[in-house]
Amino acid sequence: MTAPQDEKLLETMIERQRQKLLALARRIVPRLTPEDLLQPHNHPSIAAHPDFNFEDGILAGYLAALAALRAQRQK
């Protein structure tokens, strides 16, 4: 797999994880927006939910992997 393919795969995984996270959060608080997920501590019911925190951690890992891939490519 080439570097652009790696990046595209990670971007796809990130988008799907964001969708999954939003769907989960909306089961807890139905009117949440994608922007609300950027500040989950403003919504205590999702911030304290273990499933939300797990899925949010997966998203954070994907974002970190993409950042590392891009940083390595710039060297």
PDB file of N, CA and C in Angstrom:
ATOM      1  N   MET A   1       0.850  -1.164   0.000  1.00  0.00           N
ATOM      2  CA  MET A   1       0.000   0.000   0.000  1.00  0.00           C
ATOM      3  C   MET A   1       0.907   1.243   0.000  1.00  0.00           C
ATOM      4  N   THR A   2       0.607   2.196  -0.852  1.00  0.00           N
ATOM      5  CA  THR A   2       1.406   3.411  -0.935  1.00  0.00           C
ATOM      6  C   THR A   2       0.988   4.404   0.150  1.00  0.00           C
ATOM      7  N   ALA A   3       1.819   5.405   0.358  1.00  0.00           N
ATOM      8  CA  ALA A   3       1.533   6.422   1.376  1.00  0.00           C
ATOM      9  C   ALA A   3       0.187   7.110   1.133  1.00  0.00           C
ATOM     10  N   PRO A   4      -0.125   7.547  -0.103  1.00  0.00           N
ATOM     11  CA  PRO A   4      -1.443   8.157  -0.316  1.00  0.00           C
ATOM     12  C   PRO A   4      -2.597   7.184  -0.033  1.00  0.00           C
ATOM     13  N   GLN A   5      -2.401   5.916  -0.325  1.00  0.00           N
ATOM     14  CA  GLN A   5      -3.436   4.921  -0.041  1.00  0.00           C
ATOM     15  C   GLN A   5      -3.609   4.733   1.465  1.00  0.00           C
ATOM     16  N   ASP A   6      -2.482   4.745   2.183  1.00  0.00           N
ATOM     17  CA  ASP A   6      -2.540   4.637   3.645  1.00  0.00           C
ATOM     18  C   ASP A   6      -3.335   5.792   4.227  1.00  0.00           C
ATOM     19  N   GLU A   7      -3.034   6.999   3.744  1.00  0.00           N
ATOM     20  CA  GLU A   7      -3.711   8.183   4.242  1.00  0.00           C
ATOM     21  C   GLU A   7      -5.205   8.137   3.909  1.00  0.00           C
ATOM     22  N   LYS A   8      -5.542   7.730   2.714  1.00  0.00           N
ATOM     23  CA  LYS A   8      -6.944   7.640   2.307  1.00  0.00           C
ATOM     24  C   LYS A   8      -7.692   6.620   3.171  1.00  0.00           C
ATOM     25  N   LEU A   9      -7.052   5.483   3.447  1.00  0.00           N
ATOM     26  CA  LEU A   9      -7.669   4.472   4.299  1.00  0.00           C
ATOM     27  C   LEU A   9      -7.935   5.035   5.696  1.00  0.00           C
ATOM     28  N   LEU A  10      -6.947   5.699   6.272  1.00  0.00           N
ATOM     29  CA  LEU A  10      -7.140   6.290   7.597  1.00  0.00           C
ATOM     30  C   LEU A  10      -8.235   7.357   7.581  1.00  0.00           C
ATOM     31  N   GLU A  11      -8.281   8.177   6.548  1.00  0.00           N
ATOM     32  CA  GLU A  11      -9.327   9.199   6.458  1.00  0.00           C
ATOM     33  C   GLU A  11     -10.711   8.561   6.394  1.00  0.00           C
ATOM     34  N   THR A  12     -10.828   7.457   5.677  1.00  0.00           N
ATOM     35  CA  THR A  12     -12.098   6.733   5.598  1.00  0.00           C
ATOM     36  C   THR A  12     -12.466   6.155   6.960  1.00  0.00           C
ATOM     37  N   MET A  13     -11.497   5.569   7.638  1.00  0.00           N
ATOM     38  CA  MET A  13     -11.737   5.009   8.967  1.00  0.00           C
ATOM     39  C   MET A  13     -12.160   6.104   9.948  1.00  0.00           C
ATOM     40  N   ILE A  14     -11.529   7.263   9.860  1.00  0.00           N
ATOM     41  CA  ILE A  14     -11.867   8.385  10.737  1.00  0.00           C
ATOM     42  C   ILE A  14     -13.295   8.849  10.484  1.00  0.00           C
ATOM     43  N   GLU A  15     -13.667   8.988   9.239  1.00  0.00           N
ATOM     44  CA  GLU A  15     -15.027   9.445   8.921  1.00  0.00           C
ATOM     45  C   GLU A  15     -16.069   8.442   9.421  1.00  0.00           C
ATOM     46  N   ARG A  16     -15.813   7.172   9.226  1.00  0.00           N
ATOM     47  CA  ARG A  16     -16.762   6.146   9.698  1.00  0.00           C
ATOM     48  C   ARG A  16     -16.846   6.136  11.222  1.00  0.00           C
ATOM     49  N   GLN A  17     -15.710   6.326  11.880  1.00  0.00           N
ATOM     50  CA  GLN A  17     -15.714   6.347  13.339  1.00  0.00           C
ATOM     51  C   GLN A  17     -16.454   7.583  13.855  1.00  0.00           C
ATOM     52  N   ARG A  18     -16.288   8.709  13.187  1.00  0.00           N
ATOM     53  CA  ARG A  18     -17.040   9.911  13.583  1.00  0.00           C
ATOM     54  C   ARG A  18     -18.545   9.680  13.447  1.00  0.00           C
ATOM     55  N   GLN A  19     -18.953   9.024  12.373  1.00  0.00           N
ATOM     56  CA  GLN A  19     -20.371   8.714  12.183  1.00  0.00           C
ATOM     57  C   GLN A  19     -20.874   7.768  13.272  1.00  0.00           C
ATOM     58  N   LYS A  20     -20.075   6.766  13.589  1.00  0.00           N
ATOM     59  CA  LYS A  20     -20.447   5.807  14.631  1.00  0.00           C
ATOM     60  C   LYS A  20     -20.564   6.505  15.985  1.00  0.00           C
ATOM     61  N   LEU A  21     -19.619   7.380  16.278  1.00  0.00           N
ATOM     62  CA  LEU A  21     -19.612   8.103  17.542  1.00  0.00           C
ATOM     63  C   LEU A  21     -20.824   9.028  17.645  1.00  0.00           C
ATOM     64  N   LEU A  22     -21.160   9.711  16.576  1.00  0.00           N
ATOM     65  CA  LEU A  22     -22.325  10.590  16.580  1.00  0.00           C
ATOM     66  C   LEU A  22     -23.607   9.785  16.772  1.00  0.00           C
ATOM     67  N   ALA A  23     -23.727   8.659  16.100  1.00  0.00           N
ATOM     68  CA  ALA A  23     -24.923   7.817  16.257  1.00  0.00           C
ATOM     69  C   ALA A  23     -25.055   7.333  17.704  1.00  0.00           C
ATOM     70  N   LEU A  24     -23.958   6.926  18.296  1.00  0.00           N
ATOM     71  CA  LEU A  24     -23.979   6.485  19.688  1.00  0.00           C
ATOM     72  C   LEU A  24     -24.372   7.639  20.602  1.00  0.00           C
ATOM     73  N   ALA A  25     -23.765   8.791  20.407  1.00  0.00           N
ATOM     74  CA  ALA A  25     -24.069   9.955  21.245  1.00  0.00           C
ATOM     75  C   ALA A  25     -25.534  10.367  21.102  1.00  0.00           C
ATOM     76  N   ARG A  26     -26.068  10.270  19.908  1.00  0.00           N
ATOM     77  CA  ARG A  26     -27.473  10.652  19.691  1.00  0.00           C
ATOM     78  C   ARG A  26     -28.448   9.660  20.319  1.00  0.00           C
ATOM     79  N   ARG A  27     -28.017   8.448  20.580  1.00  0.00           N
ATOM     80  CA  ARG A  27     -28.877   7.523  21.327  1.00  0.00           C
ATOM     81  C   ARG A  27     -28.974   7.959  22.784  1.00  0.00           C
ATOM     82  N   ILE A  28     -27.944   8.662  23.257  1.00  0.00           N
ATOM     83  CA  ILE A  28     -27.914   9.132  24.641  1.00  0.00           C
ATOM     84  C   ILE A  28     -28.576  10.512  24.744  1.00  0.00           C
ATOM     85  N   VAL A  29     -28.188  11.415  23.834  1.00  0.00           N
ATOM     86  CA  VAL A  29     -28.744  12.777  23.775  1.00  0.00           C
ATOM     87  C   VAL A  29     -29.155  13.021  22.322  1.00  0.00           C
ATOM     88  N   PRO A  30     -30.429  12.853  21.991  1.00  0.00           N
ATOM     89  CA  PRO A  30     -30.874  12.838  20.593  1.00  0.00           C
ATOM     90  C   PRO A  30     -30.544  14.065  19.738  1.00  0.00           C
ATOM     91  N   ARG A  31     -30.435  15.228  20.285  1.00  0.00           N
ATOM     92  CA  ARG A  31     -30.248  16.429  19.457  1.00  0.00           C
ATOM     93  C   ARG A  31     -28.792  16.877  19.326  1.00  0.00           C
ATOM     94  N   LEU A  32     -27.862  16.028  19.614  1.00  0.00           N
ATOM     95  CA  LEU A  32     -26.449  16.412  19.499  1.00  0.00           C
ATOM     96  C   LEU A  32     -26.055  16.641  18.047  1.00  0.00           C
ATOM     97  N   THR A  33     -25.137  17.566  17.865  1.00  0.00           N
ATOM     98  CA  THR A  33     -24.584  17.841  16.541  1.00  0.00           C
ATOM     99  C   THR A  33     -23.141  17.328  16.502  1.00  0.00           C
ATOM    100  N   PRO A  34     -22.565  17.205  15.324  1.00  0.00           N
ATOM    101  CA  PRO A  34     -21.148  16.808  15.254  1.00  0.00           C
ATOM    102  C   PRO A  34     -20.242  17.770  16.026  1.00  0.00           C
ATOM    103  N   GLU A  35     -20.591  19.046  16.047  1.00  0.00           N
ATOM    104  CA  GLU A  35     -19.790  20.023  16.781  1.00  0.00           C
ATOM    105  C   GLU A  35     -19.850  19.781  18.287  1.00  0.00           C
ATOM    106  N   ASP A  36     -20.983  19.277  18.770  1.00  0.00           N
ATOM    107  CA  ASP A  36     -21.108  18.970  20.196  1.00  0.00           C
ATOM    108  C   ASP A  36     -20.099  17.914  20.628  1.00  0.00           C
ATOM    109  N   LEU A  37     -19.729  17.040  19.727  1.00  0.00           N
ATOM    110  CA  LEU A  37     -18.786  15.983  20.072  1.00  0.00           C
ATOM    111  C   LEU A  37     -17.374  16.514  20.281  1.00  0.00           C
ATOM    112  N   LEU A  38     -17.111  17.726  19.820  1.00  0.00           N
ATOM    113  CA  LEU A  38     -15.798  18.325  20.038  1.00  0.00           C
ATOM    114  C   LEU A  38     -15.627  18.765  21.486  1.00  0.00           C
ATOM    115  N   GLN A  39     -16.745  18.958  22.197  1.00  0.00           N
ATOM    116  CA  GLN A  39     -16.732  19.360  23.608  1.00  0.00           C
ATOM    117  C   GLN A  39     -17.681  18.445  24.393  1.00  0.00           C
ATOM    118  N   PRO A  40     -17.389  17.172  24.481  1.00  0.00           N
ATOM    119  CA  PRO A  40     -18.335  16.254  25.133  1.00  0.00           C
ATOM    120  C   PRO A  40     -18.552  16.558  26.615  1.00  0.00           C
ATOM    121  N   HIS A  41     -17.594  17.231  27.258  1.00  0.00           N
ATOM    122  CA  HIS A  41     -17.775  17.559  28.674  1.00  0.00           C
ATOM    123  C   HIS A  41     -18.924  18.544  28.894  1.00  0.00           C
ATOM    124  N   ASN A  42     -19.390  19.206  27.826  1.00  0.00           N
ATOM    125  CA  ASN A  42     -20.556  20.079  27.935  1.00  0.00           C
ATOM    126  C   ASN A  42     -21.855  19.281  28.047  1.00  0.00           C
ATOM    127  N   HIS A  43     -21.762  17.993  27.828  1.00  0.00           N
ATOM    128  CA  HIS A  43     -22.919  17.094  27.904  1.00  0.00           C
ATOM    129  C   HIS A  43     -22.553  15.947  28.848  1.00  0.00           C
ATOM    130  N   PRO A  44     -22.765  16.143  30.135  1.00  0.00           N
ATOM    131  CA  PRO A  44     -22.316  15.147  31.121  1.00  0.00           C
ATOM    132  C   PRO A  44     -22.801  13.728  30.868  1.00  0.00           C
ATOM    133  N   SER A  45     -23.994  13.581  30.295  1.00  0.00           N
ATOM    134  CA  SER A  45     -24.508  12.227  30.075  1.00  0.00           C
ATOM    135  C   SER A  45     -23.704  11.461  29.032  1.00  0.00           C
ATOM    136  N   ILE A  46     -23.135  12.157  28.050  1.00  0.00           N
ATOM    137  CA  ILE A  46     -22.282  11.418  27.106  1.00  0.00           C
ATOM    138  C   ILE A  46     -20.844  11.353  27.606  1.00  0.00           C
ATOM    139  N   ALA A  47     -20.386  12.395  28.274  1.00  0.00           N
ATOM    140  CA  ALA A  47     -19.007  12.401  28.779  1.00  0.00           C
ATOM    141  C   ALA A  47     -18.772  11.275  29.785  1.00  0.00           C
ATOM    142  N   ALA A  48     -19.808  10.898  30.513  1.00  0.00           N
ATOM    143  CA  ALA A  48     -19.682   9.850  31.523  1.00  0.00           C
ATOM    144  C   ALA A  48     -20.013   8.460  30.995  1.00  0.00           C
ATOM    145  N   HIS A  49     -20.430   8.363  29.756  1.00  0.00           N
ATOM    146  CA  HIS A  49     -20.862   7.074  29.202  1.00  0.00           C
ATOM    147  C   HIS A  49     -19.649   6.255  28.767  1.00  0.00           C
ATOM    148  N   PRO A  50     -19.477   5.046  29.300  1.00  0.00           N
ATOM    149  CA  PRO A  50     -18.287   4.253  28.963  1.00  0.00           C
ATOM    150  C   PRO A  50     -18.182   3.872  27.488  1.00  0.00           C
ATOM    151  N   ASP A  51     -19.300   3.571  26.850  1.00  0.00           N
ATOM    152  CA  ASP A  51     -19.245   3.217  25.424  1.00  0.00           C
ATOM    153  C   ASP A  51     -18.818   4.417  24.584  1.00  0.00           C
ATOM    154  N   PHE A  52     -19.315   5.596  24.930  1.00  0.00           N
ATOM    155  CA  PHE A  52     -18.912   6.804  24.217  1.00  0.00           C
ATOM    156  C   PHE A  52     -17.411   7.026  24.375  1.00  0.00           C
ATOM    157  N   ASN A  53     -16.920   6.899  25.596  1.00  0.00           N
ATOM    158  CA  ASN A  53     -15.493   7.119  25.831  1.00  0.00           C
ATOM    159  C   ASN A  53     -14.629   6.100  25.091  1.00  0.00           C
ATOM    160  N   PHE A  54     -15.085   4.870  25.018  1.00  0.00           N
ATOM    161  CA  PHE A  54     -14.354   3.853  24.274  1.00  0.00           C
ATOM    162  C   PHE A  54     -14.264   4.222  22.793  1.00  0.00           C
ATOM    163  N   GLU A  55     -15.407   4.537  22.193  1.00  0.00           N
ATOM    164  CA  GLU A  55     -15.435   4.873  20.768  1.00  0.00           C
ATOM    165  C   GLU A  55     -14.678   6.175  20.487  1.00  0.00           C
ATOM    166  N   ASP A  56     -14.751   7.124  21.402  1.00  0.00           N
ATOM    167  CA  ASP A  56     -14.007   8.372  21.256  1.00  0.00           C
ATOM    168  C   ASP A  56     -12.500   8.107  21.305  1.00  0.00           C
ATOM    169  N   GLY A  57     -12.095   7.154  22.129  1.00  0.00           N
ATOM    170  CA  GLY A  57     -10.684   6.763  22.196  1.00  0.00           C
ATOM    171  C   GLY A  57     -10.195   6.139  20.898  1.00  0.00           C
ATOM    172  N   ILE A  58     -11.045   5.349  20.274  1.00  0.00           N
ATOM    173  CA  ILE A  58     -10.687   4.776  18.972  1.00  0.00           C
ATOM    174  C   ILE A  58     -10.492   5.888  17.952  1.00  0.00           C
ATOM    175  N   LEU A  59     -11.404   6.857  17.934  1.00  0.00           N
ATOM    176  CA  LEU A  59     -11.263   7.998  17.026  1.00  0.00           C
ATOM    177  C   LEU A  59      -9.964   8.744  17.290  1.00  0.00           C
ATOM    178  N   ALA A  60      -9.648   8.977  18.551  1.00  0.00           N
ATOM    179  CA  ALA A  60      -8.402   9.669  18.896  1.00  0.00           C
ATOM    180  C   ALA A  60      -7.184   8.895  18.385  1.00  0.00           C
ATOM    181  N   GLY A  61      -7.229   7.582  18.476  1.00  0.00           N
ATOM    182  CA  GLY A  61      -6.126   6.768  17.969  1.00  0.00           C
ATOM    183  C   GLY A  61      -5.964   6.875  16.466  1.00  0.00           C
ATOM    184  N   TYR A  62      -7.081   6.852  15.752  1.00  0.00           N
ATOM    185  CA  TYR A  62      -7.023   7.005  14.295  1.00  0.00           C
ATOM    186  C   TYR A  62      -6.456   8.377  13.913  1.00  0.00           C
ATOM    187  N   LEU A  63      -6.897   9.413  14.627  1.00  0.00           N
ATOM    188  CA  LEU A  63      -6.397  10.764  14.334  1.00  0.00           C
ATOM    189  C   LEU A  63      -4.901  10.866  14.619  1.00  0.00           C
ATOM    190  N   ALA A  64      -4.449  10.228  15.698  1.00  0.00           N
ATOM    191  CA  ALA A  64      -3.024  10.235  16.030  1.00  0.00           C
ATOM    192  C   ALA A  64      -2.219   9.481  14.974  1.00  0.00           C
ATOM    193  N   ALA A  65      -2.756   8.368  14.496  1.00  0.00           N
ATOM    194  CA  ALA A  65      -2.062   7.597  13.457  1.00  0.00           C
ATOM    195  C   ALA A  65      -1.943   8.412  12.172  1.00  0.00           C
ATOM    196  N   LEU A  66      -2.994   9.127  11.809  1.00  0.00           N
ATOM    197  CA  LEU A  66      -2.942   9.960  10.603  1.00  0.00           C
ATOM    198  C   LEU A  66      -1.918  11.080  10.767  1.00  0.00           C
ATOM    199  N   ALA A  67      -1.892  11.708  11.929  1.00  0.00           N
ATOM    200  CA  ALA A  67      -0.913  12.768  12.182  1.00  0.00           C
ATOM    201  C   ALA A  67       0.512  12.225  12.114  1.00  0.00           C
ATOM    202  N   ALA A  68       0.730  11.046  12.679  1.00  0.00           N
ATOM    203  CA  ALA A  68       2.067  10.442  12.645  1.00  0.00           C
ATOM    204  C   ALA A  68       2.477  10.086  11.224  1.00  0.00           C
ATOM    205  N   LEU A  69       1.550   9.561  10.448  1.00  0.00           N
ATOM    206  CA  LEU A  69       1.837   9.218   9.052  1.00  0.00           C
ATOM    207  C   LEU A  69       2.229  10.463   8.265  1.00  0.00           C
ATOM    208  N   ARG A  70       1.473  11.530   8.438  1.00  0.00           N
ATOM    209  CA  ARG A  70       1.771  12.772   7.728  1.00  0.00           C
ATOM    210  C   ARG A  70       3.102  13.379   8.193  1.00  0.00           C
ATOM    211  N   ALA A  71       3.377  13.326   9.482  1.00  0.00           N
ATOM    212  CA  ALA A  71       4.640  13.865   9.993  1.00  0.00           C
ATOM    213  C   ALA A  71       5.821  13.061   9.463  1.00  0.00           C
ATOM    214  N   GLN A  72       5.680  11.763   9.399  1.00  0.00           N
ATOM    215  CA  GLN A  72       6.762  10.913   8.897  1.00  0.00           C
ATOM    216  C   GLN A  72       7.023  11.190   7.417  1.00  0.00           C
ATOM    217  N   ARG A  73       5.976  11.437   6.683  1.00  0.00           N
ATOM    218  CA  ARG A  73       6.118  11.705   5.251  1.00  0.00           C
ATOM    219  C   ARG A  73       6.825  13.027   4.997  1.00  0.00           C
ATOM    220  N   GLN A  74       6.689  13.982   5.902  1.00  0.00           N
ATOM    221  CA  GLN A  74       7.314  15.287   5.708  1.00  0.00           C
ATOM    222  C   GLN A  74       8.819  15.269   5.985  1.00  0.00           C
ATOM    223  N   LYS A  75       9.308  14.221   6.614  1.00  0.00           N
ATOM    224  CA  LYS A  75      10.740  14.141   6.922  1.00  0.00           C
ATOM    225  C   LYS A  75      11.569  13.865   5.698  1.00  0.00           C
TER     226      LYS A  75
END
